[in-house]
Protein backbone atom coordinates (compact mmCIF):
# COMPACT_ATOMS: atom_id res chain seq x y z
CA MET A 1 -31.96 -3.89 -29.30
CA GLN A 2 -28.28 -3.58 -28.33
CA LYS A 3 -27.33 -1.12 -25.62
CA VAL A 4 -25.13 1.86 -26.38
CA ILE A 5 -22.07 1.43 -24.16
CA HIS A 6 -20.61 4.64 -22.78
CA ARG A 7 -17.20 4.81 -21.15
CA ARG A 8 -17.28 5.05 -17.39
CA HIS A 9 -14.52 7.39 -16.30
CA ASP A 10 -15.13 6.62 -12.63
CA ILE A 11 -14.44 2.91 -13.19
CA ASP A 12 -11.16 3.78 -14.95
CA ALA A 13 -10.19 6.19 -12.17
CA LEU A 14 -11.09 3.73 -9.40
CA ARG A 15 -8.98 1.08 -11.11
CA VAL A 16 -5.99 3.43 -11.05
CA LEU A 17 -6.58 4.38 -7.42
CA ALA A 18 -7.15 0.75 -6.36
CA PHE A 19 -3.81 -0.33 -7.81
CA GLY A 20 -2.18 2.72 -6.23
CA LEU A 21 -3.59 1.57 -2.89
CA LEU A 22 -2.16 -1.89 -3.62
CA ILE A 23 1.34 -0.42 -3.97
CA LEU A 24 1.00 1.36 -0.62
CA TYR A 25 -0.42 -1.77 0.99
CA HIS A 26 2.52 -3.89 -0.14
CA LEU A 27 4.89 -1.26 1.24
CA GLY A 28 3.00 -1.43 4.51
CA MET A 29 3.40 -5.22 4.59
CA ALA A 30 7.16 -4.71 5.05
CA TYR A 31 6.57 -2.63 8.18
CA VAL A 32 3.49 -4.07 9.87
CA ALA A 33 4.32 -6.14 12.97
CA GLU A 34 3.46 -9.86 13.25
CA TRP A 35 2.39 -10.25 9.60
CA GLY A 36 4.70 -12.23 7.36
CA TRP A 37 5.96 -10.94 4.02
CA HIS A 38 8.76 -11.60 1.53
CA VAL A 39 11.27 -9.20 3.13
CA LYS A 40 10.56 -7.48 6.43
CA SER A 41 12.10 -4.28 7.73
CA THR A 42 13.69 -4.16 11.17
CA HIS A 43 11.35 -1.23 11.87
CA GLN A 44 7.90 -2.72 12.48
CA SER A 45 4.75 -1.14 13.85
CA GLU A 46 1.89 -2.78 15.75
CA SER A 47 -0.34 0.29 15.33
CA LEU A 48 -0.06 -0.10 11.55
CA GLN A 49 -2.07 -3.32 11.85
CA ILE A 50 -5.38 -1.49 12.35
CA LEU A 51 -4.91 0.61 9.22
CA MET A 52 -3.82 -2.41 7.19
CA LEU A 53 -6.73 -4.46 8.53
CA ALA A 54 -9.18 -1.71 7.58
CA VAL A 55 -7.96 -1.88 3.98
CA ASN A 56 -7.31 -5.59 3.44
CA GLN A 57 -10.94 -6.54 3.99
CA TRP A 58 -12.05 -4.89 0.73
CA ARG A 59 -9.02 -3.97 -1.41
CA MET A 60 -8.97 -7.21 -3.49
CA PRO A 61 -12.78 -7.48 -3.72
CA LEU A 62 -12.67 -3.93 -5.12
CA LEU A 63 -10.16 -4.94 -7.80
CA PHE A 64 -12.24 -7.93 -8.85
CA LEU A 65 -15.44 -5.86 -8.83
CA ILE A 66 -13.80 -3.24 -11.04
CA SER A 67 -12.47 -6.01 -13.31
CA GLY A 68 -16.01 -7.33 -13.65
CA ALA A 69 -17.26 -3.85 -14.56
CA ALA A 70 -14.51 -3.41 -17.16
CA THR A 71 -15.36 -6.85 -18.55
CA TYR A 72 -18.95 -5.75 -19.17
CA PHE A 73 -17.76 -2.91 -21.40
CA LEU A 74 -15.07 -4.93 -23.19
CA LEU A 75 -17.32 -7.89 -23.86
CA GLY A 76 -20.08 -5.65 -25.16
CA ARG A 77 -17.70 -3.80 -27.47
CA LEU A 78 -15.59 -6.69 -28.78
CA GLY A 79 -17.85 -9.72 -28.72
CA SER A 80 -16.95 -13.06 -27.13
CA ALA A 81 -14.20 -14.24 -29.50
CA ARG A 82 -12.23 -10.98 -29.72
CA PHE A 83 -12.70 -10.37 -26.01
CA LEU A 84 -11.29 -13.79 -25.15
CA LEU A 85 -8.28 -13.38 -27.43
CA GLN A 86 -7.52 -9.92 -26.05
CA ARG A 87 -7.78 -11.05 -22.44
CA LEU A 88 -5.60 -14.10 -23.06
CA ARG A 89 -2.95 -11.82 -24.55
CA GLN A 90 -3.24 -9.27 -21.74
CA LEU A 91 -3.20 -11.81 -18.90
CA LEU A 92 -1.21 -14.86 -19.97
CA ILE A 93 1.76 -13.15 -21.63
CA PRO A 94 2.47 -10.72 -18.73
CA LEU A 95 1.96 -13.57 -16.25
CA LEU A 96 4.53 -15.80 -17.96
CA PHE A 97 6.95 -12.90 -18.43
CA GLY A 98 6.46 -11.90 -14.81
CA ILE A 99 7.16 -15.43 -13.52
CA LEU A 100 10.34 -15.73 -15.60
CA VAL A 101 11.76 -12.19 -15.40
CA VAL A 102 10.04 -9.79 -12.99
CA VAL A 103 9.29 -11.92 -9.93
CA PRO A 104 12.52 -13.99 -9.47
CA PRO A 105 14.37 -11.09 -7.73
CA GLN A 106 11.68 -11.18 -5.04
CA ALA A 107 12.30 -14.89 -4.47
CA TYR A 108 16.06 -14.27 -4.43
CA TYR A 109 15.91 -11.55 -1.75
CA GLU A 110 13.40 -13.55 0.28
CA ALA A 111 15.68 -16.62 0.20
CA LEU A 112 18.63 -14.40 1.22
CA SER A 113 16.62 -12.96 4.10
CA ASN A 114 15.72 -16.46 5.24
CA GLY A 115 19.37 -17.54 5.14
CA VAL A 116 18.71 -20.34 2.64
CA ILE A 117 21.15 -19.22 -0.08
CA GLU A 118 24.42 -17.34 -0.44
CA PRO A 119 24.59 -14.02 -2.34
CA GLY A 120 24.77 -14.40 -6.10
CA TYR A 121 21.72 -13.77 -8.29
CA LEU A 122 22.96 -15.70 -11.34
CA SER A 123 23.64 -18.85 -9.33
CA PHE A 124 20.18 -18.48 -7.78
CA LEU A 125 18.60 -18.21 -11.24
CA TRP A 126 20.52 -21.29 -12.41
CA GLN A 127 18.80 -23.30 -9.73
CA TYR A 128 15.47 -21.42 -9.94
CA PHE A 129 15.01 -22.25 -13.61
CA THR A 130 15.25 -25.97 -12.95
CA PHE A 131 11.74 -25.49 -11.45
CA GLN A 132 12.52 -28.04 -8.77
CA PRO A 133 11.31 -27.75 -5.15
CA TRP A 134 13.53 -25.79 -2.77
CA PRO A 135 14.12 -26.35 0.95
CA ALA A 136 11.04 -25.57 3.03
CA ASP A 137 10.24 -21.87 3.50
CA SER A 138 12.95 -20.66 1.10
CA PHE A 139 10.50 -18.25 -0.50
CA ALA A 140 6.79 -18.07 -1.27
CA GLY A 141 6.09 -20.93 -3.67
CA SER A 142 9.42 -22.67 -3.06
CA HIS A 143 7.67 -25.99 -2.49
CA VAL A 144 6.75 -26.07 -6.21
CA GLY A 145 10.00 -24.52 -7.44
CA PHE A 146 8.79 -21.14 -8.69
CA THR A 147 6.44 -18.32 -7.69
CA TRP A 148 4.19 -15.69 -9.19
CA ASN A 149 3.95 -13.74 -5.88
CA HIS A 150 1.81 -10.59 -6.33
CA LEU A 151 0.88 -11.62 -9.87
CA TRP A 152 -1.52 -14.24 -8.45
CA TYR A 153 -4.32 -11.80 -9.35
CA LEU A 154 -3.76 -12.54 -13.07
CA PRO A 155 -4.50 -16.31 -13.11
CA TYR A 156 -7.52 -15.78 -10.85
CA LEU A 157 -8.79 -13.06 -13.17
CA LEU A 158 -8.18 -15.33 -16.15
CA CYS A 159 -10.40 -18.00 -14.57
CA TYR A 160 -13.24 -15.53 -14.07
CA THR A 161 -12.78 -14.22 -17.60
CA LEU A 162 -13.31 -17.74 -18.98
CA VAL A 163 -16.37 -18.27 -16.79
CA ILE A 164 -18.06 -14.93 -17.53
CA ILE A 165 -18.37 -15.59 -21.28
CA PRO A 166 -20.99 -18.38 -20.97
CA VAL A 167 -22.58 -16.58 -18.01
CA ALA A 168 -22.94 -13.41 -20.11
CA TYR A 169 -24.46 -15.47 -22.94
CA PHE A 170 -27.01 -16.87 -20.48
CA LEU A 171 -27.80 -13.43 -19.05
CA ARG A 172 -28.40 -11.98 -22.53
CA ALA A 173 -31.25 -14.46 -22.97
CA TYR A 174 -32.95 -12.76 -20.01
CA GLN A 175 -31.63 -9.27 -20.65
CA ALA A 176 -34.97 -7.45 -20.42
CA LYS A 177 -35.85 -9.09 -17.10
CA MET A 178 -32.37 -8.46 -15.71
CA ASP A 179 -32.47 -4.81 -16.78
CA ASN A 180 -35.84 -4.30 -15.12
CA TRP A 181 -34.73 -6.01 -11.91
CA ILE A 182 -31.44 -4.09 -11.66
CA ALA A 183 -33.15 -0.79 -12.51
CA GLY A 184 -35.73 -1.42 -9.78
CA LEU A 185 -33.28 -2.29 -7.00
CA LYS A 186 -34.43 -1.04 -3.63
CA VAL A 187 -32.06 0.27 -0.97
CA TRP A 188 -32.37 -2.85 1.18
CA GLN A 189 -31.73 -5.10 -1.82
CA LEU A 190 -28.56 -3.26 -2.80
CA LEU A 191 -27.28 -3.24 0.77
CA PHE A 192 -28.17 -6.73 1.93
CA ILE A 193 -28.80 -9.23 -0.90
CA PRO A 194 -25.04 -9.69 -1.68
CA LEU A 195 -24.48 -10.57 1.99
CA LEU A 196 -26.48 -13.79 1.60
CA PRO A 197 -24.13 -15.67 -0.79
CA LEU A 198 -21.05 -14.25 0.94
CA THR A 199 -22.25 -15.47 4.33
CA LEU A 200 -23.06 -18.90 2.89
CA TYR A 201 -19.49 -19.11 1.55
CA GLY A 202 -18.20 -18.31 5.01
CA LEU A 203 -20.45 -20.92 6.61
CA TYR A 204 -19.88 -23.82 4.24
CA LEU A 205 -16.81 -23.24 2.04
CA PHE A 206 -14.35 -21.54 4.38
CA PRO A 207 -14.34 -24.43 6.91
CA LEU A 208 -13.56 -26.86 4.07
CA PHE A 209 -11.02 -24.90 2.02
CA GLY A 210 -9.74 -22.12 4.26
CA GLY A 211 -8.58 -18.72 3.07
CA ILE A 212 -6.75 -17.90 -0.12
CA ASN A 213 -3.90 -20.26 -1.09
CA TYR A 214 -2.70 -18.14 -4.09
CA ALA A 215 -2.42 -21.34 -6.16
CA VAL A 216 -5.81 -21.25 -8.02
CA VAL A 217 -6.23 -25.02 -7.62
CA GLY A 218 -8.50 -26.08 -4.75
CA ASP A 219 -9.12 -22.46 -3.70
CA TRP A 220 -12.91 -22.76 -3.81
CA TYR A 221 -13.81 -20.35 -1.02
CA THR A 222 -11.68 -17.65 -2.62
CA HIS A 223 -13.07 -18.35 -6.09
CA ALA A 224 -16.65 -18.20 -4.84
CA GLN A 225 -16.03 -14.90 -3.08
CA PHE A 226 -13.99 -13.14 -5.76
CA PHE A 227 -16.14 -14.31 -8.66
CA THR A 228 -19.21 -13.02 -6.82
CA PHE A 229 -17.62 -9.56 -6.61
CA PHE A 230 -16.54 -9.87 -10.25
CA LEU A 231 -20.12 -10.71 -11.26
CA LEU A 232 -21.55 -7.92 -9.11
CA GLY A 233 -19.31 -5.43 -10.92
CA TYR A 234 -20.43 -6.84 -14.27
CA LEU A 235 -24.11 -6.49 -13.34
CA LEU A 236 -23.98 -3.11 -11.60
CA VAL A 237 -22.52 -1.22 -14.58
CA SER A 238 -25.13 -2.66 -16.94
CA ASN A 239 -27.63 -0.08 -15.70
CA LYS A 240 -27.43 3.53 -14.53
CA ASP A 241 -30.11 3.35 -11.84
CA PRO A 242 -28.09 1.57 -9.11
CA TRP A 243 -25.46 4.31 -9.39
CA LYS A 244 -28.07 7.03 -8.85
CA LEU A 245 -29.13 5.10 -5.77
CA LEU A 246 -25.53 4.81 -4.60
CA VAL A 247 -24.98 8.54 -4.93
CA ARG A 248 -28.06 9.16 -2.78
CA LEU A 249 -26.68 6.72 -0.19
CA ARG A 250 -23.14 8.11 -0.15
CA PHE A 251 -23.41 9.92 3.20
CA PHE A 252 -25.13 6.96 4.82
CA LEU A 253 -22.32 4.70 3.56
CA LEU A 254 -19.71 7.16 4.83
CA VAL A 255 -21.04 6.46 8.33
CA ALA A 256 -22.11 2.82 7.92
CA ALA A 257 -18.78 1.53 6.58
CA PRO A 258 -16.63 2.78 9.53
CA LEU A 259 -19.29 1.55 11.98
CA CYS A 260 -19.12 -1.89 10.37
CA PHE A 261 -15.35 -1.85 10.77
CA CYS A 262 -15.72 -0.99 14.46
CA LEU A 263 -18.04 -3.99 14.85
CA PHE A 264 -15.53 -6.08 12.90
CA LEU A 265 -12.78 -5.10 15.36
CA LEU A 266 -15.05 -5.81 18.31
CA PHE A 267 -15.64 -9.38 17.15
CA ASP A 268 -12.09 -9.90 15.91
CA ARG A 269 -10.21 -8.50 18.90
CA GLY A 270 -12.65 -7.64 21.66
CA LEU A 271 -14.83 -10.71 22.17
CA GLU A 272 -13.25 -13.98 23.19
CA GLY A 273 -15.11 -17.28 22.77
CA ASP A 274 -18.87 -17.73 22.34
CA ILE A 275 -20.28 -15.10 24.70
CA PHE A 276 -23.83 -15.17 23.34
CA PRO A 277 -25.93 -17.51 21.15
CA GLY A 278 -25.36 -17.18 17.41
CA GLN A 279 -22.10 -15.25 17.83
CA PRO A 280 -20.18 -17.08 15.03
CA LEU A 281 -22.98 -16.42 12.51
CA ILE A 282 -23.32 -12.78 13.53
CA GLN A 283 -19.56 -12.37 13.26
CA LEU A 284 -19.65 -13.73 9.70
CA ILE A 285 -22.41 -11.30 8.76
CA VAL A 286 -20.39 -8.43 10.24
CA ILE A 287 -17.29 -9.49 8.28
CA TYR A 288 -19.10 -9.45 4.94
CA ALA A 289 -21.21 -6.37 5.76
CA ASN A 290 -17.98 -4.51 6.52
CA ARG A 291 -16.51 -5.68 3.23
CA TRP A 292 -19.57 -4.86 1.13
CA PHE A 293 -20.38 -1.49 2.73
CA TRP A 294 -16.82 -0.26 2.17
CA LEU A 295 -17.06 -1.31 -1.47
CA LEU A 296 -20.36 0.52 -1.87
CA ALA A 297 -18.91 3.62 -0.20
CA VAL A 298 -15.94 3.64 -2.58
CA LEU A 299 -18.20 3.13 -5.60
CA ALA A 300 -20.67 5.81 -4.47
CA TRP A 301 -18.10 8.52 -3.81
CA GLY A 302 -16.06 7.46 -6.83
CA HIS A 303 -19.07 7.83 -9.10
CA TYR A 304 -19.94 11.17 -7.55
CA TYR A 305 -16.49 12.72 -7.95
CA LEU A 306 -14.64 10.76 -10.64
CA ASN A 307 -17.06 10.18 -13.51
CA ARG A 308 -15.54 12.82 -15.74
CA PRO A 309 -12.74 12.85 -18.37
CA PHE A 310 -9.72 13.92 -16.31
CA ARG A 311 -6.68 14.86 -18.41
CA TRP A 312 -4.41 12.50 -16.44
CA LEU A 313 -6.72 9.51 -16.75
CA PRO A 314 -5.77 8.07 -20.19
CA TYR A 315 -2.07 8.06 -19.30
CA ALA A 316 -2.69 6.62 -15.83
CA THR A 317 -5.02 3.96 -17.25
CA GLU A 318 -2.24 2.71 -19.51
CA ALA A 319 0.47 3.03 -16.85
CA VAL A 320 -1.35 1.15 -14.08
CA TYR A 321 -0.74 -2.36 -15.48
CA PRO A 322 3.06 -2.04 -15.89
CA TRP A 323 3.23 -0.37 -12.48
CA TYR A 324 1.32 -3.26 -10.95
CA ILE A 325 3.65 -5.82 -12.53
CA LEU A 326 6.84 -3.96 -11.54
CA HIS A 327 6.15 -2.38 -8.16
CA GLN A 328 6.63 -5.24 -5.72
CA THR A 329 9.96 -6.32 -7.20
CA ILE A 330 11.25 -2.76 -6.89
CA THR A 331 9.89 -2.46 -3.33
CA VAL A 332 11.46 -5.74 -2.18
CA THR A 333 14.81 -4.95 -3.81
CA ALA A 334 14.95 -1.41 -2.39
CA LEU A 335 13.99 -2.58 1.09
CA PHE A 336 16.58 -5.36 1.17
CA GLU A 337 19.36 -3.01 0.06
CA LEU A 338 18.36 -0.19 2.42
CA LYS A 339 17.43 -1.99 5.60
CA GLY A 340 21.06 -2.59 6.58
CA LEU A 341 21.84 1.14 6.49
CA SER A 342 20.01 1.97 9.75
CA LEU A 343 18.08 4.84 8.20
CA GLY A 344 15.35 4.78 10.83
CA PRO A 345 11.57 4.15 10.78
CA VAL A 346 10.76 7.32 8.83
CA ILE A 347 13.52 7.80 6.25
CA GLU A 348 13.68 4.12 5.25
CA PRO A 349 10.01 3.66 4.24
CA LEU A 350 9.96 7.06 2.53
CA LEU A 351 13.01 6.11 0.47
CA VAL A 352 11.56 2.70 -0.40
CA PHE A 353 8.34 4.38 -1.50
CA LEU A 354 10.15 7.01 -3.58
CA ILE A 355 12.38 4.38 -5.22
CA THR A 356 9.29 2.30 -6.05
CA VAL A 357 7.40 5.23 -7.60
CA ILE A 358 10.40 6.64 -9.49
CA GLY A 359 11.41 3.16 -10.65
CA CYS A 360 7.92 2.32 -11.94
CA PHE A 361 7.58 5.69 -13.67
CA THR A 362 11.01 5.57 -15.28
CA ILE A 363 10.75 1.99 -16.54
CA HIS A 364 7.23 2.51 -17.87
CA GLU A 365 7.69 5.96 -19.40
CA PHE A 366 11.14 5.62 -20.96
CA ILE A 367 11.36 1.90 -21.74
CA ILE A 368 8.12 -0.11 -21.75
CA ARG A 369 5.78 2.26 -23.57
CA ARG A 370 8.38 3.03 -26.24
CA VAL A 371 9.35 -0.57 -27.14
CA SER A 372 6.79 -2.65 -29.02
CA LEU A 373 7.95 -6.02 -27.62
CA LEU A 374 7.87 -4.73 -24.04
CA ARG A 375 4.38 -3.30 -24.58
CA LEU A 376 3.27 -6.83 -25.48
CA LEU A 377 5.06 -8.39 -22.51
CA PHE A 378 3.46 -5.90 -20.09
CA GLY A 379 -0.03 -6.27 -21.52
CA LEU A 380 -0.30 -2.92 -23.30
CA LYS A 381 -1.92 -2.29 -26.64
CA ALA A 382 0.31 -2.11 -29.71
CA LYS A 383 1.88 1.30 -30.24
CA THR A 384 -0.05 3.33 -32.79
CA LEU A 385 1.78 5.68 -35.10
CA SER A 386 0.36 9.17 -35.20
CA LYS A 387 -0.87 10.13 -38.66
CA PRO A 388 0.02 13.50 -40.20
CA PRO A 389 -2.88 15.95 -40.26
CA ILE A 390 -4.96 16.07 -43.42
CA LEU A 391 -4.80 19.53 -44.92
CA SER A 392 -8.09 21.18 -45.70
CA PRO A 393 -9.31 24.72 -46.14
CA ILE A 394 -10.32 24.62 -42.45
CA ASN A 395 -6.88 23.81 -40.97
CA GLN A 396 -4.56 25.50 -43.45
CA ASN A 397 -2.84 28.45 -41.76
């Protein structure tokens, strides 16, 4: 018997809020001290590091978890073939368009900031589109000749989309057993079972492959971690019972997640060397517990407050993808043009933020969503023409 799939408004809302957080995070990258980014402001803050560190441990796992949840609903509604075709269209076309059109300004301003090139965007593009390697450290990806910068999320998501189709087919063969197991999850299982594979990745894959390389190829630690979150999202939304459990745990998670972050900071910045036996292993467990507990807290409170049909949600759900594609280029451009004006550490970031938001809104609302070709290039559904109302005795006035 096939399940009836109901729309989860909280998943849609969390997706919008997660990408909104991503925009703020990328703005923060321009101002946080000691962390590299494409273009850095002259106004940098060391205290901003703690806030950024608190977020960067779980922001991308959240996006992949939400993507896994959305995949469950799409795959169930469309079937494997239609789902695959739709995802290829929504991921590959915007990725290629982004590499060729949206992202190059970021590489240009980064190369200018690094003193590698002279001003002149057209001459930069002439060389950029040869796709030949640039001098070392010209811009992110210069060693291969081009970059996808913040759009790296799309090829990674495409990989997990291809993998989930056979995995979902396998899971359907054991659907009854999976449903019973997920429905019967105990508190300790929900809190601690995901920590086992994550810790194993940290023990055995991270030493071999290191952290994320943004290149897809050879990034096995990152793939293992992100696909696990993707799969967890896929599994969790297949049953209502874990969400009832999460809602009951929401106050516990509101305390546990910040406590885990305090422990994370203690190991990361407070303890030097191996002070006690087993410290490296305990530190790994703390890292992934911090990550997972924050995710659970966001999911629990999101489900409690956001699982309802807000009026703004359909528009925001459509807008979030174009905003994601556009935002970093606008941020980098605005920052480069403004940072020489000596506007100060308050006015400058506020202006960059406002320019980013107004730019994303204007381009999406007045250009992208009204032009069929641009809707395709930015991964939106085809524009539907509204039909005139059918007159009947009920609606004739």
